[in-house]
PDB file of all heavy atoms in Angstrom:
ATOM      1  N   ALA A   1      33.348 -20.721  -6.880  1.00  0.00           N
ATOM      2  CA  ALA A   1      33.851 -19.417  -6.416  1.00  0.00           C
ATOM      3  C   ALA A   1      32.801 -18.315  -6.578  1.00  0.00           C
ATOM      4  O   ALA A   1      33.082 -17.142  -6.330  1.00  0.00           O
ATOM      5  CB  ALA A   1      35.117 -19.048  -7.181  1.00  0.00           C
ATOM      6  N   GLY A   2      31.585 -18.700  -7.010  1.00  0.00           N
ATOM      7  CA  GLY A   2      30.487 -17.736  -7.101  1.00  0.00           C
ATOM      8  C   GLY A   2      30.465 -16.897  -8.356  1.00  0.00           C
ATOM      9  O   GLY A   2      29.827 -15.839  -8.399  1.00  0.00           O
ATOM     10  N   LYS A   3      31.161 -17.347  -9.399  1.00  0.00           N
ATOM     11  CA  LYS A   3      31.198 -16.588 -10.660  1.00  0.00           C
ATOM     12  C   LYS A   3      30.052 -17.009 -11.575  1.00  0.00           C
ATOM     13  O   LYS A   3      29.746 -18.200 -11.692  1.00  0.00           O
ATOM     14  CB  LYS A   3      32.515 -16.821 -11.408  1.00  0.00           C
ATOM     15  CG  LYS A   3      33.777 -16.792 -10.558  1.00  0.00           C
ATOM     16  CD  LYS A   3      34.028 -15.451  -9.929  1.00  0.00           C
ATOM     17  CE  LYS A   3      35.378 -15.441  -9.204  1.00  0.00           C
ATOM     18  NZ  LYS A   3      35.576 -14.213  -8.430  1.00  0.00           N
ATOM     19  N   ASP A   4      29.430 -16.047 -12.247  1.00  0.00           N
ATOM     20  CA  ASP A   4      28.504 -16.383 -13.322  1.00  0.00           C
ATOM     21  C   ASP A   4      29.309 -16.893 -14.515  1.00  0.00           C
ATOM     22  O   ASP A   4      30.482 -16.529 -14.693  1.00  0.00           O
ATOM     23  CB  ASP A   4      27.680 -15.158 -13.732  1.00  0.00           C
ATOM     24  CG  ASP A   4      26.648 -14.766 -12.678  1.00  0.00           C
ATOM     25  OD1 ASP A   4      26.239 -15.641 -11.886  1.00  0.00           O
ATOM     26  OD2 ASP A   4      26.265 -13.582 -12.637  1.00  0.00           O
ATOM     27  N   ILE A   5      28.676 -17.728 -15.343  1.00  0.00           N
ATOM     28  CA  ILE A   5      29.363 -18.355 -16.474  1.00  0.00           C
ATOM     29  C   ILE A   5      28.718 -17.924 -17.794  1.00  0.00           C
ATOM     30  O   ILE A   5      27.511 -18.086 -17.980  1.00  0.00           O
ATOM     31  CB  ILE A   5      29.304 -19.901 -16.374  1.00  0.00           C
ATOM     32  CG1 ILE A   5      29.829 -20.401 -15.020  1.00  0.00           C
ATOM     33  CG2 ILE A   5      30.071 -20.533 -17.532  1.00  0.00           C
ATOM     34  CD1 ILE A   5      31.293 -20.114 -14.761  1.00  0.00           C
ATOM     35  N   ALA A   6      29.528 -17.359 -18.693  1.00  0.00           N
ATOM     36  CA  ALA A   6      29.114 -17.158 -20.083  1.00  0.00           C
ATOM     37  C   ALA A   6      29.663 -18.369 -20.833  1.00  0.00           C
ATOM     38  O   ALA A   6      30.863 -18.450 -21.116  1.00  0.00           O
ATOM     39  CB  ALA A   6      29.676 -15.852 -20.641  1.00  0.00           C
ATOM     40  N   LEU A   7      28.797 -19.331 -21.105  1.00  0.00           N
ATOM     41  CA  LEU A   7      29.233 -20.665 -21.508  1.00  0.00           C
ATOM     42  C   LEU A   7      29.354 -20.822 -23.015  1.00  0.00           C
ATOM     43  O   LEU A   7      28.368 -20.769 -23.738  1.00  0.00           O
ATOM     44  CB  LEU A   7      28.256 -21.713 -20.960  1.00  0.00           C
ATOM     45  CG  LEU A   7      28.631 -23.166 -21.192  1.00  0.00           C
ATOM     46  CD1 LEU A   7      29.856 -23.550 -20.360  1.00  0.00           C
ATOM     47  CD2 LEU A   7      27.468 -24.087 -20.855  1.00  0.00           C
ATOM     48  N   ALA A   8      30.601 -21.030 -23.478  1.00  0.00           N
ATOM     49  CA  ALA A   8      30.835 -21.346 -24.883  1.00  0.00           C
ATOM     50  C   ALA A   8      31.503 -22.704 -25.038  1.00  0.00           C
ATOM     51  O   ALA A   8      31.634 -23.213 -26.145  1.00  0.00           O
ATOM     52  CB  ALA A   8      31.698 -20.271 -25.540  1.00  0.00           C
ATOM     53  N   ASN A   9      31.934 -23.293 -23.913  1.00  0.00           N
ATOM     54  CA  ASN A   9      32.580 -24.603 -23.945  1.00  0.00           C
ATOM     55  C   ASN A   9      31.509 -25.689 -23.877  1.00  0.00           C
ATOM     56  O   ASN A   9      30.936 -25.943 -22.828  1.00  0.00           O
ATOM     57  CB  ASN A   9      33.564 -24.737 -22.775  1.00  0.00           C
ATOM     58  CG  ASN A   9      34.098 -26.149 -22.616  1.00  0.00           C
ATOM     59  OD1 ASN A   9      33.693 -26.867 -21.717  1.00  0.00           O
ATOM     60  ND2 ASN A   9      34.990 -26.555 -23.482  1.00  0.00           N
ATOM     61  N   LYS A  10      31.203 -26.304 -25.020  1.00  0.00           N
ATOM     62  CA  LYS A  10      30.123 -27.277 -25.092  1.00  0.00           C
ATOM     63  C   LYS A  10      30.342 -28.468 -24.160  1.00  0.00           C
ATOM     64  O   LYS A  10      29.421 -28.977 -23.537  1.00  0.00           O
ATOM     65  CB  LYS A  10      30.004 -27.814 -26.523  1.00  0.00           C
ATOM     66  CG  LYS A  10      29.576 -26.804 -27.554  1.00  0.00           C
ATOM     67  CD  LYS A  10      29.471 -27.468 -28.915  1.00  0.00           C
ATOM     68  CE  LYS A  10      29.325 -26.464 -30.027  1.00  0.00           C
ATOM     69  NZ  LYS A  10      28.218 -25.541 -29.857  1.00  0.00           N
ATOM     70  N   GLU A  11      31.607 -28.901 -24.087  1.00  0.00           N
ATOM     71  CA  GLU A  11      31.902 -30.153 -23.406  1.00  0.00           C
ATOM     72  C   GLU A  11      31.585 -30.111 -21.912  1.00  0.00           C
ATOM     73  O   GLU A  11      31.339 -31.143 -21.288  1.00  0.00           O
ATOM     74  CB  GLU A  11      33.372 -30.522 -23.631  1.00  0.00           C
ATOM     75  CG  GLU A  11      33.710 -30.888 -25.065  1.00  0.00           C
ATOM     76  CD  GLU A  11      33.885 -29.692 -25.999  1.00  0.00           C
ATOM     77  OE1 GLU A  11      33.863 -28.541 -25.520  1.00  0.00           O
ATOM     78  OE2 GLU A  11      34.037 -29.914 -27.215  1.00  0.00           O
ATOM     79  N   THR A  12      31.579 -28.912 -21.327  1.00  0.00           N
ATOM     80  CA  THR A  12      31.278 -28.783 -19.901  1.00  0.00           C
ATOM     81  C   THR A  12      29.920 -29.393 -19.578  1.00  0.00           C
ATOM     82  O   THR A  12      29.789 -30.184 -18.643  1.00  0.00           O
ATOM     83  CB  THR A  12      31.301 -27.296 -19.479  1.00  0.00           C
ATOM     84  OG1 THR A  12      32.635 -26.810 -19.634  1.00  0.00           O
ATOM     85  CG2 THR A  12      30.885 -27.129 -18.032  1.00  0.00           C
ATOM     86  N   LEU A  13      28.897 -29.037 -20.352  1.00  0.00           N
ATOM     87  CA  LEU A  13      27.566 -29.574 -20.094  1.00  0.00           C
ATOM     88  C   LEU A  13      27.353 -30.937 -20.736  1.00  0.00           C
ATOM     89  O   LEU A  13      26.584 -31.752 -20.237  1.00  0.00           O
ATOM     90  CB  LEU A  13      26.485 -28.607 -20.588  1.00  0.00           C
ATOM     91  CG  LEU A  13      26.249 -27.371 -19.714  1.00  0.00           C
ATOM     92  CD1 LEU A  13      25.110 -26.526 -20.281  1.00  0.00           C
ATOM     93  CD2 LEU A  13      25.935 -27.746 -18.271  1.00  0.00           C
ATOM     94  N   VAL A  14      28.043 -31.204 -21.843  1.00  0.00           N
ATOM     95  CA  VAL A  14      27.910 -32.505 -22.488  1.00  0.00           C
ATOM     96  C   VAL A  14      28.417 -33.606 -21.563  1.00  0.00           C
ATOM     97  O   VAL A  14      27.748 -34.613 -21.326  1.00  0.00           O
ATOM     98  CB  VAL A  14      28.677 -32.540 -23.822  1.00  0.00           C
ATOM     99  CG1 VAL A  14      28.759 -33.966 -24.374  1.00  0.00           C
ATOM    100  CG2 VAL A  14      28.002 -31.632 -24.837  1.00  0.00           C
ATOM    101  N   SER A  15      29.599 -33.418 -21.005  1.00  0.00           N
ATOM    102  CA  SER A  15      30.212 -34.449 -20.177  1.00  0.00           C
ATOM    103  C   SER A  15      29.766 -34.386 -18.721  1.00  0.00           C
ATOM    104  O   SER A  15      29.653 -35.412 -18.062  1.00  0.00           O
ATOM    105  CB  SER A  15      31.743 -34.325 -20.230  1.00  0.00           C
ATOM    106  OG  SER A  15      32.222 -34.554 -21.535  1.00  0.00           O
ATOM    107  N   ALA A  16      29.530 -33.172 -18.211  1.00  0.00           N
ATOM    108  CA  ALA A  16      29.306 -33.007 -16.771  1.00  0.00           C
ATOM    109  C   ALA A  16      28.028 -32.232 -16.464  1.00  0.00           C
ATOM    110  O   ALA A  16      27.930 -31.586 -15.428  1.00  0.00           O
ATOM    111  CB  ALA A  16      30.513 -32.307 -16.150  1.00  0.00           C
ATOM    112  N   GLY A  17      27.036 -32.333 -17.368  1.00  0.00           N
ATOM    113  CA  GLY A  17      25.828 -31.520 -17.235  1.00  0.00           C
ATOM    114  C   GLY A  17      25.148 -31.622 -15.887  1.00  0.00           C
ATOM    115  O   GLY A  17      24.829 -30.601 -15.260  1.00  0.00           O
ATOM    116  N   GLU A  18      24.938 -32.845 -15.417  1.00  0.00           N
ATOM    117  CA  GLU A  18      24.224 -33.034 -14.152  1.00  0.00           C
ATOM    118  C   GLU A  18      24.987 -32.408 -12.992  1.00  0.00           C
ATOM    119  O   GLU A  18      24.415 -31.698 -12.161  1.00  0.00           O
ATOM    120  CB  GLU A  18      24.013 -34.534 -13.902  1.00  0.00           C
ATOM    121  CG  GLU A  18      23.143 -34.827 -12.699  1.00  0.00           C
ATOM    122  CD  GLU A  18      22.854 -36.309 -12.540  1.00  0.00           C
ATOM    123  OE1 GLU A  18      23.503 -37.135 -13.216  1.00  0.00           O
ATOM    124  OE2 GLU A  18      21.965 -36.637 -11.734  1.00  0.00           O
ATOM    125  N   LEU A  19      26.306 -32.638 -12.940  1.00  0.00           N
ATOM    126  CA  LEU A  19      27.122 -32.088 -11.855  1.00  0.00           C
ATOM    127  C   LEU A  19      27.178 -30.565 -11.925  1.00  0.00           C
ATOM    128  O   LEU A  19      27.114 -29.884 -10.896  1.00  0.00           O
ATOM    129  CB  LEU A  19      28.544 -32.663 -11.918  1.00  0.00           C
ATOM    130  CG  LEU A  19      28.689 -34.183 -11.735  1.00  0.00           C
ATOM    131  CD1 LEU A  19      30.155 -34.583 -11.825  1.00  0.00           C
ATOM    132  CD2 LEU A  19      28.093 -34.637 -10.414  1.00  0.00           C
ATOM    133  N   ILE A  20      27.308 -30.028 -13.135  1.00  0.00           N
ATOM    134  CA  ILE A  20      27.403 -28.576 -13.308  1.00  0.00           C
ATOM    135  C   ILE A  20      26.094 -27.895 -12.907  1.00  0.00           C
ATOM    136  O   ILE A  20      26.092 -26.897 -12.165  1.00  0.00           O
ATOM    137  CB  ILE A  20      27.772 -28.224 -14.771  1.00  0.00           C
ATOM    138  CG1 ILE A  20      29.220 -28.656 -15.076  1.00  0.00           C
ATOM    139  CG2 ILE A  20      27.582 -26.728 -15.038  1.00  0.00           C
ATOM    140  CD1 ILE A  20      30.305 -27.878 -14.385  1.00  0.00           C
ATOM    141  N   ILE A  21      24.964 -28.409 -13.372  1.00  0.00           N
ATOM    142  CA  ILE A  21      23.668 -27.790 -13.059  1.00  0.00           C
ATOM    143  C   ILE A  21      23.389 -27.866 -11.556  1.00  0.00           C
ATOM    144  O   ILE A  21      22.879 -26.904 -10.960  1.00  0.00           O
ATOM    145  CB  ILE A  21      22.530 -28.440 -13.877  1.00  0.00           C
ATOM    146  CG1 ILE A  21      22.721 -28.153 -15.369  1.00  0.00           C
ATOM    147  CG2 ILE A  21      21.171 -27.946 -13.401  1.00  0.00           C
ATOM    148  CD1 ILE A  21      22.786 -26.683 -15.745  1.00  0.00           C
ATOM    149  N   ASN A  22      23.731 -28.980 -10.932  1.00  0.00           N
ATOM    150  CA  ASN A  22      23.571 -29.084  -9.473  1.00  0.00           C
ATOM    151  C   ASN A  22      24.432 -28.051  -8.757  1.00  0.00           C
ATOM    152  O   ASN A  22      24.003 -27.437  -7.770  1.00  0.00           O
ATOM    153  CB  ASN A  22      23.927 -30.494  -8.989  1.00  0.00           C
ATOM    154  CG  ASN A  22      22.877 -31.520  -9.373  1.00  0.00           C
ATOM    155  OD1 ASN A  22      21.745 -31.157  -9.694  1.00  0.00           O
ATOM    156  ND2 ASN A  22      23.238 -32.787  -9.352  1.00  0.00           N
ATOM    157  N   ALA A  23      25.655 -27.843  -9.254  1.00  0.00           N
ATOM    158  CA  ALA A  23      26.559 -26.856  -8.638  1.00  0.00           C
ATOM    159  C   ALA A  23      26.033 -25.437  -8.839  1.00  0.00           C
ATOM    160  O   ALA A  23      26.111 -24.599  -7.930  1.00  0.00           O
ATOM    161  CB  ALA A  23      27.964 -26.989  -9.235  1.00  0.00           C
ATOM    162  N   VAL A  24      25.483 -25.159 -10.014  1.00  0.00           N
ATOM    163  CA  VAL A  24      24.900 -23.837 -10.303  1.00  0.00           C
ATOM    164  C   VAL A  24      23.797 -23.517  -9.290  1.00  0.00           C
ATOM    165  O   VAL A  24      23.722 -22.412  -8.746  1.00  0.00           O
ATOM    166  CB  VAL A  24      24.359 -23.794 -11.753  1.00  0.00           C
ATOM    167  CG1 VAL A  24      23.408 -22.624 -11.955  1.00  0.00           C
ATOM    168  CG2 VAL A  24      25.516 -23.700 -12.744  1.00  0.00           C
ATOM    169  N   LYS A  25      22.945 -24.504  -9.026  1.00  0.00           N
ATOM    170  CA  LYS A  25      21.863 -24.322  -8.049  1.00  0.00           C
ATOM    171  C   LYS A  25      22.423 -24.150  -6.635  1.00  0.00           C
ATOM    172  O   LYS A  25      21.983 -23.279  -5.878  1.00  0.00           O
ATOM    173  CB  LYS A  25      20.909 -25.518  -8.098  1.00  0.00           C
ATOM    174  CG  LYS A  25      20.100 -25.606  -9.390  1.00  0.00           C
ATOM    175  CD  LYS A  25      19.292 -26.893  -9.447  1.00  0.00           C
ATOM    176  CE  LYS A  25      18.540 -27.011 -10.769  1.00  0.00           C
ATOM    177  NZ  LYS A  25      17.874 -28.330 -10.912  1.00  0.00           N
ATOM    178  N   LYS A  26      23.406 -24.961  -6.302  1.00  0.00           N
ATOM    179  CA  LYS A  26      23.986 -24.930  -4.952  1.00  0.00           C
ATOM    180  C   LYS A  26      24.649 -23.593  -4.650  1.00  0.00           C
ATOM    181  O   LYS A  26      24.500 -23.042  -3.554  1.00  0.00           O
ATOM    182  CB  LYS A  26      24.996 -26.072  -4.799  1.00  0.00           C
ATOM    183  CG  LYS A  26      25.671 -26.117  -3.425  1.00  0.00           C
ATOM    184  CD  LYS A  26      26.624 -27.298  -3.317  1.00  0.00           C
ATOM    185  CE  LYS A  26      27.328 -27.315  -1.957  1.00  0.00           C
ATOM    186  NZ  LYS A  26      28.261 -28.465  -1.847  1.00  0.00           N
ATOM    187  N   TYR A  27      25.392 -23.054  -5.613  1.00  0.00           N
ATOM    188  CA  TYR A  27      26.175 -21.837  -5.376  1.00  0.00           C
ATOM    189  C   TYR A  27      25.463 -20.559  -5.844  1.00  0.00           C
ATOM    190  O   TYR A  27      26.019 -19.466  -5.719  1.00  0.00           O
ATOM    191  CB  TYR A  27      27.558 -21.968  -6.013  1.00  0.00           C
ATOM    192  CG  TYR A  27      28.390 -23.047  -5.349  1.00  0.00           C
ATOM    193  CD1 TYR A  27      28.504 -24.317  -5.924  1.00  0.00           C
ATOM    194  CD2 TYR A  27      29.021 -22.822  -4.126  1.00  0.00           C
ATOM    195  CE1 TYR A  27      29.239 -25.326  -5.312  1.00  0.00           C
ATOM    196  CE2 TYR A  27      29.761 -23.824  -3.508  1.00  0.00           C
ATOM    197  CZ  TYR A  27      29.860 -25.070  -4.097  1.00  0.00           C
ATOM    198  OH  TYR A  27      30.585 -26.072  -3.474  1.00  0.00           O
ATOM    199  N   GLY A  28      24.251 -20.719  -6.393  1.00  0.00           N
ATOM    200  CA  GLY A  28      23.435 -19.554  -6.732  1.00  0.00           C
ATOM    201  C   GLY A  28      23.988 -18.664  -7.829  1.00  0.00           C
ATOM    202  O   GLY A  28      23.841 -17.443  -7.793  1.00  0.00           O
ATOM    203  N   VAL A  29      24.638 -19.280  -8.826  1.00  0.00           N
ATOM    204  CA  VAL A  29      25.175 -18.491  -9.940  1.00  0.00           C
ATOM    205  C   VAL A  29      24.298 -18.689 -11.170  1.00  0.00           C
ATOM    206  O   VAL A  29      23.374 -19.499 -11.184  1.00  0.00           O
ATOM    207  CB  VAL A  29      26.641 -18.883 -10.245  1.00  0.00           C
ATOM    208  CG1 VAL A  29      27.525 -18.671  -9.024  1.00  0.00           C
ATOM    209  CG2 VAL A  29      26.742 -20.328 -10.730  1.00  0.00           C
ATOM    210  N   LYS A  30      24.607 -17.959 -12.231  1.00  0.00           N
ATOM    211  CA  LYS A  30      23.843 -18.032 -13.484  1.00  0.00           C
ATOM    212  C   LYS A  30      24.739 -18.556 -14.607  1.00  0.00           C
ATOM    213  O   LYS A  30      25.939 -18.290 -14.631  1.00  0.00           O
ATOM    214  CB  LYS A  30      23.335 -16.644 -13.887  1.00  0.00           C
ATOM    215  CG  LYS A  30      22.482 -15.964 -12.829  1.00  0.00           C
ATOM    216  CD  LYS A  30      21.071 -16.471 -12.859  1.00  0.00           C
ATOM    217  CE  LYS A  30      20.170 -15.608 -11.997  1.00  0.00           C
ATOM    218  NZ  LYS A  30      19.311 -16.379 -11.118  1.00  0.00           N
ATOM    219  N   ILE A  31      24.118 -19.282 -15.530  1.00  0.00           N
ATOM    220  CA  ILE A  31      24.791 -19.641 -16.782  1.00  0.00           C
ATOM    221  C   ILE A  31      24.115 -18.875 -17.910  1.00  0.00           C
ATOM    222  O   ILE A  31      22.893 -18.961 -18.091  1.00  0.00           O
ATOM    223  CB  ILE A  31      24.719 -21.154 -17.077  1.00  0.00           C
ATOM    224  CG1 ILE A  31      25.533 -21.944 -16.066  1.00  0.00           C
ATOM    225  CG2 ILE A  31      25.233 -21.434 -18.492  1.00  0.00           C
ATOM    226  CD1 ILE A  31      25.602 -23.442 -16.355  1.00  0.00           C
ATOM    227  N   TYR A  32      24.903 -18.095 -18.640  1.00  0.00           N
ATOM    228  CA  TYR A  32      24.407 -17.371 -19.805  1.00  0.00           C
ATOM    229  C   TYR A  32      24.986 -18.038 -21.050  1.00  0.00           C
ATOM    230  O   TYR A  32      26.202 -18.025 -21.258  1.00  0.00           O
ATOM    231  CB  TYR A  32      24.813 -15.898 -19.744  1.00  0.00           C
ATOM    232  CG  TYR A  32      24.256 -15.196 -18.534  1.00  0.00           C
ATOM    233  CD1 TYR A  32      25.102 -14.751 -17.513  1.00  0.00           C
ATOM    234  CD2 TYR A  32      22.885 -14.987 -18.386  1.00  0.00           C
ATOM    235  CE1 TYR A  32      24.591 -14.113 -16.388  1.00  0.00           C
ATOM    236  CE2 TYR A  32      22.368 -14.346 -17.261  1.00  0.00           C
ATOM    237  CZ  TYR A  32      23.225 -13.921 -16.271  1.00  0.00           C
ATOM    238  OH  TYR A  32      22.717 -13.295 -15.153  1.00  0.00           O
ATOM    239  N   PRO A  33      24.146 -18.676 -21.875  1.00  0.00           N
ATOM    240  CA  PRO A  33      24.668 -19.405 -23.031  1.00  0.00           C
ATOM    241  C   PRO A  33      25.231 -18.479 -24.103  1.00  0.00           C
ATOM    242  O   PRO A  33      24.640 -17.444 -24.417  1.00  0.00           O
ATOM    243  CB  PRO A  33      23.453 -20.181 -23.551  1.00  0.00           C
ATOM    244  CG  PRO A  33      22.264 -19.463 -23.017  1.00  0.00           C
ATOM    245  CD  PRO A  33      22.682 -18.786 -21.762  1.00  0.00           C
ATOM    246  N   VAL A  34      26.365 -18.856 -24.652  1.00  0.00           N
ATOM    247  CA  VAL A  34      27.022 -18.076 -25.706  1.00  0.00           C
ATOM    248  C   VAL A  34      26.781 -18.680 -27.082  1.00  0.00           C
ATOM    249  O   VAL A  34      26.710 -17.963 -28.073  1.00  0.00           O
ATOM    250  CB  VAL A  34      28.538 -17.940 -25.413  1.00  0.00           C
ATOM    251  CG1 VAL A  34      29.304 -17.433 -26.627  1.00  0.00           C
ATOM    252  CG2 VAL A  34      28.759 -17.008 -24.223  1.00  0.00           C
ATOM    253  N   ASP A  35      26.637 -20.011 -27.172  1.00  0.00           N
ATOM    254  CA  ASP A  35      26.283 -20.615 -28.457  1.00  0.00           C
ATOM    255  C   ASP A  35      25.097 -19.869 -29.056  1.00  0.00           C
ATOM    256  O   ASP A  35      24.133 -19.571 -28.347  1.00  0.00           O
ATOM    257  CB  ASP A  35      25.865 -22.084 -28.240  1.00  0.00           C
ATOM    258  CG  ASP A  35      26.966 -23.054 -28.602  1.00  0.00           C
ATOM    259  OD1 ASP A  35      27.970 -22.609 -29.175  1.00  0.00           O
ATOM    260  OD2 ASP A  35      26.820 -24.252 -28.310  1.00  0.00           O
ATOM    261  N   SER A  36      25.133 -19.608 -30.350  1.00  0.00           N
ATOM    262  CA  SER A  36      24.050 -18.839 -30.968  1.00  0.00           C
ATOM    263  C   SER A  36      22.701 -19.535 -30.794  1.00  0.00           C
ATOM    264  O   SER A  36      21.675 -18.887 -30.556  1.00  0.00           O
ATOM    265  CB  SER A  36      24.339 -18.601 -32.457  1.00  0.00           C
ATOM    266  OG  SER A  36      24.426 -19.828 -33.146  1.00  0.00           O
ATOM    267  N   GLU A  37      22.708 -20.877 -30.884  1.00  0.00           N
ATOM    268  CA  GLU A  37      21.448 -21.626 -30.764  1.00  0.00           C
ATOM    269  C   GLU A  37      20.891 -21.551 -29.343  1.00  0.00           C
ATOM    270  O   GLU A  37      19.696 -21.303 -29.137  1.00  0.00           O
ATOM    271  CB  GLU A  37      21.662 -23.095 -31.161  1.00  0.00           C
ATOM    272  CG  GLU A  37      22.020 -23.293 -32.610  1.00  0.00           C
ATOM    273  CD  GLU A  37      23.507 -23.107 -32.913  1.00  0.00           C
ATOM    274  OE1 GLU A  37      24.271 -22.755 -31.979  1.00  0.00           O
ATOM    275  OE2 GLU A  37      23.905 -23.310 -34.068  1.00  0.00           O
ATOM    276  N   HIS A  38      21.746 -21.741 -28.356  1.00  0.00           N
ATOM    277  CA  HIS A  38      21.259 -21.723 -26.976  1.00  0.00           C
ATOM    278  C   HIS A  38      20.916 -20.307 -26.527  1.00  0.00           C
ATOM    279  O   HIS A  38      19.985 -20.103 -25.739  1.00  0.00           O
ATOM    280  CB  HIS A  38      22.293 -22.356 -26.045  1.00  0.00           C
ATOM    281  CG  HIS A  38      22.534 -23.798 -26.367  1.00  0.00           C
ATOM    282  ND1 HIS A  38      23.738 -24.261 -26.829  1.00  0.00           N
ATOM    283  CD2 HIS A  38      21.702 -24.862 -26.343  1.00  0.00           C
ATOM    284  CE1 HIS A  38      23.639 -25.560 -27.065  1.00  0.00           C
ATOM    285  NE2 HIS A  38      22.423 -25.949 -26.785  1.00  0.00           N
ATOM    286  N   SER A  39      21.646 -19.333 -27.040  1.00  0.00           N
ATOM    287  CA  SER A  39      21.294 -17.936 -26.770  1.00  0.00           C
ATOM    288  C   SER A  39      19.916 -17.637 -27.351  1.00  0.00           C
ATOM    289  O   SER A  39      19.091 -16.961 -26.711  1.00  0.00           O
ATOM    290  CB  SER A  39      22.335 -16.991 -27.380  1.00  0.00           C
ATOM    291  OG  SER A  39      21.965 -15.639 -27.165  1.00  0.00           O
ATOM    292  N   ALA A  40      19.639 -18.165 -28.544  1.00  0.00           N
ATOM    293  CA  ALA A  40      18.334 -17.952 -29.183  1.00  0.00           C
ATOM    294  C   ALA A  40      17.213 -18.569 -28.353  1.00  0.00           C
ATOM    295  O   ALA A  40      16.150 -17.956 -28.159  1.00  0.00           O
ATOM    296  CB  ALA A  40      18.337 -18.545 -30.585  1.00  0.00           C
ATOM    297  N   ILE A  41      17.439 -19.780 -27.850  1.00  0.00           N
ATOM    298  CA  ILE A  41      16.435 -20.437 -26.996  1.00  0.00           C
ATOM    299  C   ILE A  41      16.250 -19.640 -25.704  1.00  0.00           C
ATOM    300  O   ILE A  41      15.119 -19.382 -25.276  1.00  0.00           O
ATOM    301  CB  ILE A  41      16.863 -21.891 -26.682  1.00  0.00           C
ATOM    302  CG1 ILE A  41      16.917 -22.714 -27.966  1.00  0.00           C
ATOM    303  CG2 ILE A  41      15.912 -22.532 -25.666  1.00  0.00           C
ATOM    304  CD1 ILE A  41      17.719 -23.998 -27.839  1.00  0.00           C
ATOM    305  N   PHE A  42      17.356 -19.240 -25.108  1.00  0.00           N
ATOM    306  CA  PHE A  42      17.341 -18.426 -23.884  1.00  0.00           C
ATOM    307  C   PHE A  42      16.507 -17.161 -24.091  1.00  0.00           C
ATOM    308  O   PHE A  42      15.665 -16.801 -23.261  1.00  0.00           O
ATOM    309  CB  PHE A  42      18.792 -18.085 -23.522  1.00  0.00           C
ATOM    310  CG  PHE A  42      18.963 -17.280 -22.270  1.00  0.00           C
ATOM    311  CD1 PHE A  42      18.725 -17.822 -21.022  1.00  0.00           C
ATOM    312  CD2 PHE A  42      19.392 -15.959 -22.335  1.00  0.00           C
ATOM    313  CE1 PHE A  42      18.898 -17.073 -19.863  1.00  0.00           C
ATOM    314  CE2 PHE A  42      19.571 -15.198 -21.192  1.00  0.00           C
ATOM    315  CZ  PHE A  42      19.325 -15.765 -19.938  1.00  0.00           C
ATOM    316  N   GLN A  43      16.716 -16.506 -25.229  1.00  0.00           N
ATOM    317  CA  GLN A  43      15.976 -15.278 -25.522  1.00  0.00           C
ATOM    318  C   GLN A  43      14.497 -15.570 -25.815  1.00  0.00           C
ATOM    319  O   GLN A  43      13.613 -14.794 -25.433  1.00  0.00           O
ATOM    320  CB  GLN A  43      16.617 -14.546 -26.706  1.00  0.00           C
ATOM    321  CG  GLN A  43      18.005 -14.002 -26.380  1.00  0.00           C
ATOM    322  CD  GLN A  43      18.664 -13.342 -27.577  1.00  0.00           C
ATOM    323  OE1 GLN A  43      18.166 -12.348 -28.087  1.00  0.00           O
ATOM    324  NE2 GLN A  43      19.783 -13.884 -28.027  1.00  0.00           N
ATOM    325  N   SER A  44      14.224 -16.693 -26.462  1.00  0.00           N
ATOM    326  CA  SER A  44      12.841 -17.051 -26.798  1.00  0.00           C
ATOM    327  C   SER A  44      12.033 -17.479 -25.580  1.00  0.00           C
ATOM    328  O   SER A  44      10.801 -17.527 -25.629  1.00  0.00           O
ATOM    329  CB  SER A  44      12.830 -18.177 -27.841  1.00  0.00           C
ATOM    330  OG  SER A  44      13.445 -17.753 -29.034  1.00  0.00           O
ATOM    331  N   LEU A  45      12.718 -17.788 -24.488  1.00  0.00           N
ATOM    332  CA  LEU A  45      12.047 -18.178 -23.243  1.00  0.00           C
ATOM    333  C   LEU A  45      11.734 -16.988 -22.338  1.00  0.00           C
ATOM    334  O   LEU A  45      10.951 -17.112 -21.388  1.00  0.00           O
ATOM    335  CB  LEU A  45      12.927 -19.170 -22.457  1.00  0.00           C
ATOM    336  CG  LEU A  45      13.058 -20.575 -23.045  1.00  0.00           C
ATOM    337  CD1 LEU A  45      14.179 -21.335 -22.340  1.00  0.00           C
ATOM    338  CD2 LEU A  45      11.741 -21.338 -22.913  1.00  0.00           C
TER     339      LEU A  45
END
């Protein structure tokens, strides 16, 4: 539906990572990580 995702649900990428990332690219949305660790990596990049 074209929504950006603030992702705190780990299982989405754990179980369906390949499908989700392909969909993110296809629909041109962004994933902003909410987990403190992934947010830290995101910021360090």
